[in-house]
């Protein structure tokens, strides 16, 4: 796919929908179109956060290693979501693992390139910050809801085996 045909795909993705045409042109210098297959690893906890992914289609799980439980998938991302915002926050290390669940098409954006572009174009930086902030709020909400569901399931399990309820 050429850079000329990548611009409309970037612009139509919800994450970049508020970017101006000029900002999309700047982003093209950092973006590539990528395809992943089930089981592929996007990144691992502790690795240098050089890339973030904007998912076009497919799904990716965000995983955490838990002592005594192994790897736990605590979030599933799909079309419209982003994976790997650690490129934005020093020390630029991934905080979790990300694994592809099924055929996934995404944009991969080079974090270092993007940081440099944002430094040189504060309007682009502010636009992306607004999008990332919204994504972070949504992610925190989704994670909170999932934790509440886990807690409810655990309480039901304990009620079943112990015969009384927690109040």
N, C-alpha and C. Protein backbone atom coordinates (compact mmCIF):
# COMPACT_ATOMS: atom_id res chain seq x y z
N UNK A 1 0.85 -1.18 0.00
CA UNK A 1 0.00 0.00 0.00
C UNK A 1 0.89 1.24 0.00
N UNK A 2 0.59 2.20 -0.79
CA UNK A 2 1.42 3.41 -0.87
C UNK A 2 0.97 4.43 0.15
N UNK A 3 1.83 5.40 0.41
CA UNK A 3 1.48 6.46 1.34
C UNK A 3 0.25 7.24 0.87
N UNK A 4 0.09 7.39 -0.43
CA UNK A 4 -1.05 8.13 -0.96
C UNK A 4 -2.37 7.44 -0.61
N UNK A 5 -2.40 6.12 -0.60
CA UNK A 5 -3.65 5.43 -0.29
C UNK A 5 -3.82 5.21 1.21
N UNK A 6 -2.77 5.37 2.00
CA UNK A 6 -2.87 5.22 3.44
C UNK A 6 -3.58 6.41 4.09
N UNK A 7 -3.46 7.59 3.51
CA UNK A 7 -4.05 8.80 4.09
C UNK A 7 -5.55 8.67 4.31
N UNK A 8 -6.34 8.24 3.33
CA UNK A 8 -7.78 8.13 3.59
C UNK A 8 -8.12 7.08 4.65
N UNK A 9 -7.33 6.01 4.72
CA UNK A 9 -7.56 4.98 5.74
C UNK A 9 -7.30 5.53 7.14
N UNK A 10 -6.24 6.32 7.28
CA UNK A 10 -5.96 6.95 8.57
C UNK A 10 -7.10 7.90 8.94
N UNK A 11 -7.50 8.73 8.00
CA UNK A 11 -8.51 9.75 8.26
C UNK A 11 -9.85 9.14 8.67
N UNK A 12 -10.19 7.99 8.10
CA UNK A 12 -11.49 7.40 8.42
C UNK A 12 -11.49 6.62 9.74
N UNK A 13 -10.31 6.34 10.30
CA UNK A 13 -10.26 5.64 11.58
C UNK A 13 -10.71 6.59 12.69
N UNK A 14 -11.55 6.13 13.62
CA UNK A 14 -12.07 7.00 14.68
C UNK A 14 -10.98 7.73 15.48
N UNK A 15 -9.84 7.07 15.69
CA UNK A 15 -8.79 7.71 16.49
C UNK A 15 -8.24 8.96 15.81
N UNK A 16 -8.19 8.96 14.48
CA UNK A 16 -7.63 10.10 13.75
C UNK A 16 -8.69 11.01 13.15
N UNK A 17 -9.95 10.77 13.47
CA UNK A 17 -11.05 11.50 12.83
C UNK A 17 -11.01 13.00 13.08
N UNK A 18 -10.41 13.44 14.19
CA UNK A 18 -10.36 14.88 14.47
C UNK A 18 -9.09 15.54 13.91
N UNK A 19 -8.21 14.76 13.31
CA UNK A 19 -6.99 15.32 12.73
C UNK A 19 -7.31 16.06 11.43
N UNK A 20 -6.61 17.15 11.23
CA UNK A 20 -6.75 17.89 9.97
C UNK A 20 -6.02 17.13 8.87
N UNK A 21 -6.27 17.50 7.63
CA UNK A 21 -5.56 16.88 6.51
C UNK A 21 -4.05 17.08 6.64
N UNK A 22 -3.64 18.28 7.08
CA UNK A 22 -2.21 18.55 7.28
C UNK A 22 -1.62 17.63 8.35
N UNK A 23 -2.38 17.40 9.43
CA UNK A 23 -1.89 16.51 10.50
C UNK A 23 -1.80 15.06 10.01
N UNK A 24 -2.75 14.66 9.20
CA UNK A 24 -2.70 13.31 8.63
C UNK A 24 -1.44 13.15 7.78
N UNK A 25 -1.13 14.16 7.00
CA UNK A 25 0.09 14.12 6.17
C UNK A 25 1.34 13.96 7.04
N UNK A 26 1.36 14.64 8.17
CA UNK A 26 2.50 14.52 9.09
C UNK A 26 2.57 13.10 9.66
N UNK A 27 1.41 12.57 10.05
CA UNK A 27 1.36 11.23 10.64
C UNK A 27 1.81 10.15 9.66
N UNK A 28 1.59 10.37 8.37
CA UNK A 28 1.98 9.38 7.36
C UNK A 28 3.46 9.04 7.43
N UNK A 29 4.27 10.01 7.83
CA UNK A 29 5.71 9.78 7.94
C UNK A 29 6.09 8.82 9.05
N UNK A 30 5.15 8.53 9.96
CA UNK A 30 5.41 7.63 11.09
C UNK A 30 4.61 6.34 11.00
N UNK A 31 3.69 6.23 10.03
CA UNK A 31 2.72 5.13 10.01
C UNK A 31 3.03 4.08 8.95
N UNK A 32 2.72 2.84 9.29
CA UNK A 32 2.74 1.74 8.32
C UNK A 32 1.47 0.92 8.53
N UNK A 33 1.06 0.27 7.47
CA UNK A 33 -0.09 -0.62 7.52
C UNK A 33 0.42 -2.02 7.82
N UNK A 34 -0.13 -2.69 8.84
CA UNK A 34 0.38 -4.00 9.25
C UNK A 34 -0.76 -5.01 9.39
N UNK A 35 -0.39 -6.28 9.26
CA UNK A 35 -1.33 -7.39 9.43
C UNK A 35 -0.70 -8.39 10.38
N UNK A 36 -1.51 -8.88 11.35
CA UNK A 36 -1.04 -9.87 12.31
C UNK A 36 -1.99 -11.06 12.30
N UNK A 37 -1.46 -12.21 12.70
CA UNK A 37 -2.25 -13.44 12.74
C UNK A 37 -2.42 -13.90 14.19
N UNK A 38 -3.40 -14.74 14.42
CA UNK A 38 -3.69 -15.25 15.75
C UNK A 38 -2.42 -15.78 16.41
N UNK A 39 -2.21 -15.34 17.65
CA UNK A 39 -1.04 -15.77 18.41
C UNK A 39 0.16 -14.85 18.30
N UNK A 40 0.18 -13.96 17.30
CA UNK A 40 1.29 -13.02 17.19
C UNK A 40 1.34 -12.11 18.42
N UNK A 41 2.55 -11.77 18.83
CA UNK A 41 2.75 -10.87 19.97
C UNK A 41 3.06 -9.48 19.43
N UNK A 42 2.26 -8.48 19.84
CA UNK A 42 2.55 -7.10 19.44
C UNK A 42 3.68 -6.53 20.28
N UNK A 43 3.60 -6.77 21.58
CA UNK A 43 4.67 -6.30 22.48
C UNK A 43 4.57 -7.06 23.79
N UNK A 44 5.68 -6.98 24.55
CA UNK A 44 5.76 -7.65 25.85
C UNK A 44 6.11 -6.63 26.93
N UNK A 45 5.60 -6.88 28.10
CA UNK A 45 5.88 -6.02 29.25
C UNK A 45 7.38 -5.83 29.43
N UNK A 46 7.79 -4.57 29.64
CA UNK A 46 9.19 -4.25 29.88
C UNK A 46 9.98 -3.91 28.63
N UNK A 47 9.46 -4.29 27.46
CA UNK A 47 10.16 -3.95 26.21
C UNK A 47 10.06 -2.45 25.94
N UNK A 48 10.99 -1.96 25.16
CA UNK A 48 10.97 -0.57 24.74
C UNK A 48 9.71 -0.30 23.92
N UNK A 49 8.98 0.74 24.30
CA UNK A 49 7.71 1.08 23.64
C UNK A 49 8.00 1.96 22.43
N UNK A 50 8.33 1.31 21.34
CA UNK A 50 8.70 2.03 20.13
C UNK A 50 7.54 2.23 19.17
N UNK A 51 6.44 1.49 19.36
CA UNK A 51 5.34 1.50 18.40
C UNK A 51 4.02 1.48 19.16
N UNK A 52 3.03 2.18 18.61
CA UNK A 52 1.67 1.94 19.09
C UNK A 52 0.82 1.55 17.90
N UNK A 53 -0.24 0.81 18.19
CA UNK A 53 -1.07 0.22 17.14
C UNK A 53 -2.48 0.77 17.21
N UNK A 54 -2.99 1.12 16.06
CA UNK A 54 -4.36 1.58 15.93
C UNK A 54 -5.08 0.47 15.17
N UNK A 55 -5.97 -0.21 15.86
CA UNK A 55 -6.61 -1.41 15.31
C UNK A 55 -7.72 -1.03 14.33
N UNK A 56 -7.62 -1.56 13.13
CA UNK A 56 -8.64 -1.35 12.10
C UNK A 56 -9.68 -2.45 12.11
N UNK A 57 -9.23 -3.69 12.26
CA UNK A 57 -10.14 -4.84 12.38
C UNK A 57 -9.39 -5.96 13.07
N UNK A 58 -10.16 -6.87 13.69
CA UNK A 58 -9.56 -7.96 14.43
C UNK A 58 -9.61 -7.70 15.92
N UNK A 59 -8.85 -8.49 16.69
CA UNK A 59 -8.84 -8.30 18.14
C UNK A 59 -7.49 -8.65 18.74
N UNK A 60 -7.19 -7.96 19.83
CA UNK A 60 -5.93 -8.08 20.55
C UNK A 60 -6.26 -8.15 22.03
N UNK A 61 -5.64 -9.09 22.75
CA UNK A 61 -5.84 -9.13 24.20
C UNK A 61 -4.67 -8.45 24.88
N UNK A 62 -4.98 -7.77 25.96
CA UNK A 62 -3.96 -7.18 26.83
C UNK A 62 -3.83 -8.13 28.01
N UNK A 63 -2.61 -8.59 28.23
CA UNK A 63 -2.35 -9.65 29.21
C UNK A 63 -1.41 -9.15 30.30
N UNK A 64 -1.56 -9.77 31.48
CA UNK A 64 -0.71 -9.46 32.62
C UNK A 64 -0.27 -10.77 33.24
N UNK A 65 0.99 -10.87 33.60
CA UNK A 65 1.49 -12.04 34.33
C UNK A 65 1.13 -11.85 35.80
N UNK A 66 0.44 -12.85 36.36
CA UNK A 66 0.03 -12.78 37.76
C UNK A 66 0.64 -13.95 38.53
N UNK A 67 1.28 -13.64 39.63
CA UNK A 67 1.91 -14.65 40.47
C UNK A 67 0.88 -15.70 40.88
N UNK A 68 1.17 -16.94 40.62
CA UNK A 68 0.28 -18.03 40.99
C UNK A 68 -0.84 -18.31 40.01
N UNK A 69 -1.03 -17.44 39.03
CA UNK A 69 -2.11 -17.63 38.06
C UNK A 69 -1.62 -17.67 36.63
N UNK A 70 -0.37 -17.30 36.41
CA UNK A 70 0.16 -17.27 35.04
C UNK A 70 -0.29 -16.02 34.30
N UNK A 71 -0.52 -16.17 33.01
CA UNK A 71 -0.93 -15.03 32.18
C UNK A 71 -2.44 -14.89 32.23
N UNK A 72 -2.90 -13.68 32.54
CA UNK A 72 -4.32 -13.39 32.60
C UNK A 72 -4.64 -12.31 31.56
N UNK A 73 -5.58 -12.61 30.67
CA UNK A 73 -6.05 -11.61 29.71
C UNK A 73 -7.12 -10.79 30.40
N UNK A 74 -6.87 -9.49 30.54
CA UNK A 74 -7.83 -8.68 31.28
C UNK A 74 -8.58 -7.68 30.42
N UNK A 75 -8.24 -7.62 29.12
CA UNK A 75 -8.94 -6.69 28.25
C UNK A 75 -8.80 -7.16 26.82
N UNK A 76 -9.87 -7.05 26.06
CA UNK A 76 -9.83 -7.37 24.64
C UNK A 76 -10.12 -6.10 23.86
N UNK A 77 -9.22 -5.78 22.95
CA UNK A 77 -9.36 -4.59 22.10
C UNK A 77 -9.81 -5.01 20.72
N UNK A 78 -10.55 -4.13 20.06
CA UNK A 78 -11.03 -4.43 18.71
C UNK A 78 -10.94 -3.20 17.82
N UNK A 79 -11.64 -3.26 16.71
CA UNK A 79 -11.63 -2.17 15.73
C UNK A 79 -11.94 -0.84 16.42
N UNK A 80 -11.11 0.15 16.13
CA UNK A 80 -11.29 1.48 16.71
C UNK A 80 -10.44 1.72 17.94
N UNK A 81 -9.91 0.64 18.54
CA UNK A 81 -9.10 0.78 19.75
C UNK A 81 -7.62 0.97 19.42
N UNK A 82 -6.87 1.37 20.45
CA UNK A 82 -5.42 1.53 20.32
C UNK A 82 -4.74 0.62 21.33
N UNK A 83 -3.54 0.18 20.98
CA UNK A 83 -2.75 -0.66 21.88
C UNK A 83 -1.33 -0.10 21.94
N UNK A 84 -0.85 0.10 23.16
CA UNK A 84 0.54 0.50 23.32
C UNK A 84 0.77 1.99 23.47
N UNK A 85 0.08 2.64 24.39
CA UNK A 85 0.29 4.08 24.53
C UNK A 85 1.53 4.43 25.35
N UNK A 86 2.32 3.44 25.74
CA UNK A 86 3.53 3.69 26.51
C UNK A 86 4.59 4.46 25.74
N UNK A 87 4.46 4.57 24.43
CA UNK A 87 5.38 5.38 23.62
C UNK A 87 5.32 6.84 24.04
N UNK A 88 4.22 7.23 24.67
CA UNK A 88 3.95 8.63 25.00
C UNK A 88 4.51 9.04 26.36
N UNK A 89 4.75 8.07 27.24
CA UNK A 89 5.05 8.37 28.63
C UNK A 89 6.41 7.77 29.01
N UNK A 90 7.38 8.63 29.42
CA UNK A 90 8.67 8.08 29.85
C UNK A 90 8.46 7.09 30.98
N UNK A 91 9.21 6.05 31.06
CA UNK A 91 10.45 5.73 30.35
C UNK A 91 10.24 4.98 29.03
N UNK A 92 9.05 5.05 28.44
CA UNK A 92 8.76 4.44 27.14
C UNK A 92 8.98 2.92 27.17
N UNK A 93 8.36 2.29 28.17
CA UNK A 93 8.39 0.82 28.31
C UNK A 93 6.95 0.32 28.36
N UNK A 94 6.68 -0.77 27.65
CA UNK A 94 5.34 -1.36 27.70
C UNK A 94 5.06 -1.88 29.10
N UNK A 95 3.83 -1.68 29.56
CA UNK A 95 3.42 -2.09 30.90
C UNK A 95 2.74 -3.46 30.92
N UNK A 96 2.32 -3.96 29.75
CA UNK A 96 1.61 -5.22 29.64
C UNK A 96 2.07 -5.94 28.39
N UNK A 97 1.56 -7.15 28.20
CA UNK A 97 1.75 -7.88 26.95
C UNK A 97 0.51 -7.65 26.08
N UNK A 98 0.69 -7.71 24.77
CA UNK A 98 -0.44 -7.62 23.84
C UNK A 98 -0.30 -8.76 22.83
N UNK A 99 -1.37 -9.57 22.74
CA UNK A 99 -1.36 -10.75 21.88
C UNK A 99 -2.56 -10.70 20.94
N UNK A 100 -2.34 -11.05 19.69
CA UNK A 100 -3.38 -11.04 18.67
C UNK A 100 -4.27 -12.27 18.84
N UNK A 101 -5.60 -12.05 18.86
CA UNK A 101 -6.56 -13.14 19.02
C UNK A 101 -6.98 -13.75 17.70
N UNK A 102 -7.11 -12.91 16.69
CA UNK A 102 -7.48 -13.38 15.35
C UNK A 102 -6.91 -12.39 14.34
N UNK A 103 -7.05 -12.72 13.07
CA UNK A 103 -6.48 -11.87 12.02
C UNK A 103 -6.78 -10.39 12.33
N UNK A 104 -5.74 -9.59 12.41
CA UNK A 104 -5.87 -8.19 12.80
C UNK A 104 -5.12 -7.29 11.83
N UNK A 105 -5.82 -6.28 11.37
CA UNK A 105 -5.22 -5.24 10.54
C UNK A 105 -5.14 -3.97 11.38
N UNK A 106 -3.99 -3.31 11.28
CA UNK A 106 -3.78 -2.13 12.13
C UNK A 106 -2.81 -1.17 11.44
N UNK A 107 -2.75 0.02 12.00
CA UNK A 107 -1.69 0.96 11.66
C UNK A 107 -0.68 0.86 12.79
N UNK A 108 0.59 0.77 12.44
CA UNK A 108 1.68 0.82 13.42
C UNK A 108 2.32 2.19 13.29
N UNK A 109 2.38 2.91 14.39
CA UNK A 109 3.00 4.24 14.37
C UNK A 109 4.25 4.22 15.22
N UNK A 110 5.35 4.67 14.63
CA UNK A 110 6.63 4.72 15.31
C UNK A 110 6.59 5.80 16.39
N UNK A 111 6.76 5.38 17.64
CA UNK A 111 6.65 6.30 18.77
C UNK A 111 7.68 7.41 18.77
N UNK A 112 8.93 7.09 18.49
CA UNK A 112 9.97 8.12 18.48
C UNK A 112 9.70 9.15 17.39
N UNK A 113 9.35 8.68 16.22
CA UNK A 113 9.01 9.56 15.11
C UNK A 113 7.85 10.47 15.51
N UNK A 114 6.84 9.88 16.13
CA UNK A 114 5.66 10.64 16.52
C UNK A 114 5.98 11.68 17.60
N UNK A 115 6.80 11.31 18.56
CA UNK A 115 7.20 12.29 19.59
C UNK A 115 7.91 13.48 18.96
N UNK A 116 8.80 13.20 18.00
CA UNK A 116 9.50 14.29 17.31
C UNK A 116 8.54 15.17 16.52
N UNK A 117 7.56 14.55 15.85
CA UNK A 117 6.58 15.32 15.07
C UNK A 117 5.73 16.19 16.00
N UNK A 118 5.37 15.64 17.16
CA UNK A 118 4.55 16.40 18.11
C UNK A 118 5.34 17.56 18.73
N UNK A 119 6.62 17.34 18.98
CA UNK A 119 7.47 18.43 19.50
C UNK A 119 7.54 19.57 18.50
N UNK A 120 7.62 19.24 17.23
CA UNK A 120 7.73 20.26 16.19
C UNK A 120 6.40 20.87 15.78
N UNK A 121 5.30 20.24 16.18
CA UNK A 121 3.97 20.70 15.80
C UNK A 121 3.05 20.55 17.02
N UNK A 122 3.06 21.55 17.92
CA UNK A 122 2.26 21.44 19.14
C UNK A 122 0.76 21.22 18.89
N UNK A 123 0.23 21.72 17.78
CA UNK A 123 -1.19 21.50 17.49
C UNK A 123 -1.45 20.01 17.26
N UNK A 124 -0.54 19.34 16.57
CA UNK A 124 -0.66 17.89 16.38
C UNK A 124 -0.56 17.18 17.72
N UNK A 125 0.41 17.59 18.53
CA UNK A 125 0.59 16.99 19.85
C UNK A 125 -0.67 17.12 20.71
N UNK A 126 -1.28 18.30 20.67
CA UNK A 126 -2.49 18.54 21.47
C UNK A 126 -3.65 17.70 20.94
N UNK A 127 -3.77 17.60 19.63
CA UNK A 127 -4.84 16.79 19.03
C UNK A 127 -4.69 15.33 19.46
N UNK A 128 -3.48 14.80 19.38
CA UNK A 128 -3.25 13.41 19.77
C UNK A 128 -3.44 13.22 21.28
N UNK A 129 -3.02 14.20 22.07
CA UNK A 129 -3.21 14.11 23.52
C UNK A 129 -4.69 14.03 23.87
N UNK A 130 -5.52 14.80 23.18
CA UNK A 130 -6.96 14.73 23.42
C UNK A 130 -7.49 13.33 23.10
N UNK A 131 -7.04 12.76 22.00
CA UNK A 131 -7.50 11.42 21.63
C UNK A 131 -7.00 10.36 22.61
N UNK A 132 -5.74 10.45 23.01
CA UNK A 132 -5.20 9.49 23.97
C UNK A 132 -5.87 9.63 25.33
N UNK A 133 -6.14 10.86 25.75
CA UNK A 133 -6.81 11.06 27.03
C UNK A 133 -8.19 10.42 27.02
N UNK A 134 -8.93 10.61 25.95
CA UNK A 134 -10.24 9.97 25.83
C UNK A 134 -10.14 8.46 25.84
N UNK A 135 -9.13 7.94 25.14
CA UNK A 135 -8.93 6.49 25.11
C UNK A 135 -8.56 5.96 26.49
N UNK A 136 -7.75 6.71 27.24
CA UNK A 136 -7.35 6.28 28.58
C UNK A 136 -8.55 6.26 29.52
N UNK A 137 -9.40 7.27 29.44
CA UNK A 137 -10.60 7.31 30.28
C UNK A 137 -11.49 6.12 29.96
N UNK A 138 -11.69 5.84 28.68
CA UNK A 138 -12.52 4.69 28.28
C UNK A 138 -11.89 3.39 28.79
N UNK A 139 -10.58 3.26 28.65
CA UNK A 139 -9.89 2.04 29.08
C UNK A 139 -10.02 1.86 30.59
N UNK A 140 -9.87 2.93 31.35
CA UNK A 140 -10.03 2.83 32.81
C UNK A 140 -11.45 2.42 33.17
N UNK A 141 -12.42 2.99 32.50
CA UNK A 141 -13.82 2.62 32.74
C UNK A 141 -14.06 1.15 32.42
N UNK A 142 -13.61 0.71 31.25
CA UNK A 142 -13.79 -0.69 30.85
C UNK A 142 -13.11 -1.65 31.84
N UNK A 143 -11.92 -1.29 32.28
CA UNK A 143 -11.19 -2.13 33.22
C UNK A 143 -11.91 -2.17 34.57
N UNK A 144 -12.41 -1.03 35.01
CA UNK A 144 -13.16 -0.98 36.27
C UNK A 144 -14.40 -1.88 36.18
N UNK A 145 -15.12 -1.82 35.06
CA UNK A 145 -16.31 -2.65 34.90
C UNK A 145 -15.94 -4.14 34.91
N UNK A 146 -14.83 -4.48 34.27
CA UNK A 146 -14.40 -5.88 34.25
C UNK A 146 -14.00 -6.34 35.66
N UNK A 147 -13.31 -5.48 36.41
CA UNK A 147 -12.95 -5.83 37.78
C UNK A 147 -14.18 -6.02 38.65
N UNK A 148 -15.19 -5.17 38.46
CA UNK A 148 -16.43 -5.33 39.21
C UNK A 148 -17.10 -6.65 38.88
N UNK A 149 -17.10 -7.03 37.61
CA UNK A 149 -17.68 -8.31 37.21
C UNK A 149 -16.92 -9.48 37.84
N UNK A 150 -15.59 -9.40 37.83
CA UNK A 150 -14.78 -10.45 38.46
C UNK A 150 -15.11 -10.55 39.95
N UNK A 151 -15.21 -9.37 40.59
CA UNK A 151 -15.50 -9.36 42.03
C UNK A 151 -16.86 -10.01 42.29
N UNK A 152 -17.86 -9.69 41.50
CA UNK A 152 -19.18 -10.29 41.66
C UNK A 152 -19.13 -11.80 41.46
N UNK A 153 -18.38 -12.26 40.46
CA UNK A 153 -18.25 -13.70 40.22
C UNK A 153 -17.56 -14.38 41.40
N UNK A 154 -16.51 -13.75 41.91
CA UNK A 154 -15.80 -14.32 43.07
C UNK A 154 -16.72 -14.40 44.28
N UNK A 155 -17.50 -13.34 44.52
CA UNK A 155 -18.43 -13.35 45.66
C UNK A 155 -19.46 -14.45 45.50
N UNK A 156 -20.00 -14.63 44.29
CA UNK A 156 -20.98 -15.70 44.07
C UNK A 156 -20.35 -17.06 44.31
N UNK A 157 -19.10 -17.22 43.87
CA UNK A 157 -18.39 -18.48 44.10
C UNK A 157 -18.24 -18.73 45.60
N UNK A 158 -17.80 -17.70 46.35
CA UNK A 158 -17.60 -17.86 47.80
C UNK A 158 -18.92 -18.09 48.52
N UNK A 159 -20.00 -17.43 48.06
CA UNK A 159 -21.32 -17.67 48.65
C UNK A 159 -21.72 -19.13 48.46
N UNK A 160 -21.46 -19.63 47.28
CA UNK A 160 -21.86 -21.00 46.94
C UNK A 160 -21.12 -22.01 47.82
N UNK A 161 -19.81 -21.80 48.03
CA UNK A 161 -19.05 -22.79 48.80
C UNK A 161 -19.14 -22.57 50.31
N UNK A 162 -19.43 -21.35 50.73
CA UNK A 162 -19.46 -21.10 52.18
C UNK A 162 -20.87 -21.01 52.74
N UNK A 163 -21.85 -20.72 51.88
CA UNK A 163 -23.22 -20.66 52.33
C UNK A 163 -23.65 -19.33 52.92
N UNK A 164 -22.79 -18.31 52.92
CA UNK A 164 -23.23 -17.00 53.38
C UNK A 164 -22.71 -15.91 52.45
N UNK A 165 -23.33 -14.74 52.58
CA UNK A 165 -23.02 -13.59 51.72
C UNK A 165 -22.12 -12.59 52.44
N UNK A 166 -21.34 -11.89 51.60
CA UNK A 166 -20.52 -10.78 52.09
C UNK A 166 -21.36 -9.52 52.00
N UNK A 167 -21.37 -8.70 53.05
CA UNK A 167 -22.16 -7.44 53.01
C UNK A 167 -21.26 -6.27 53.14
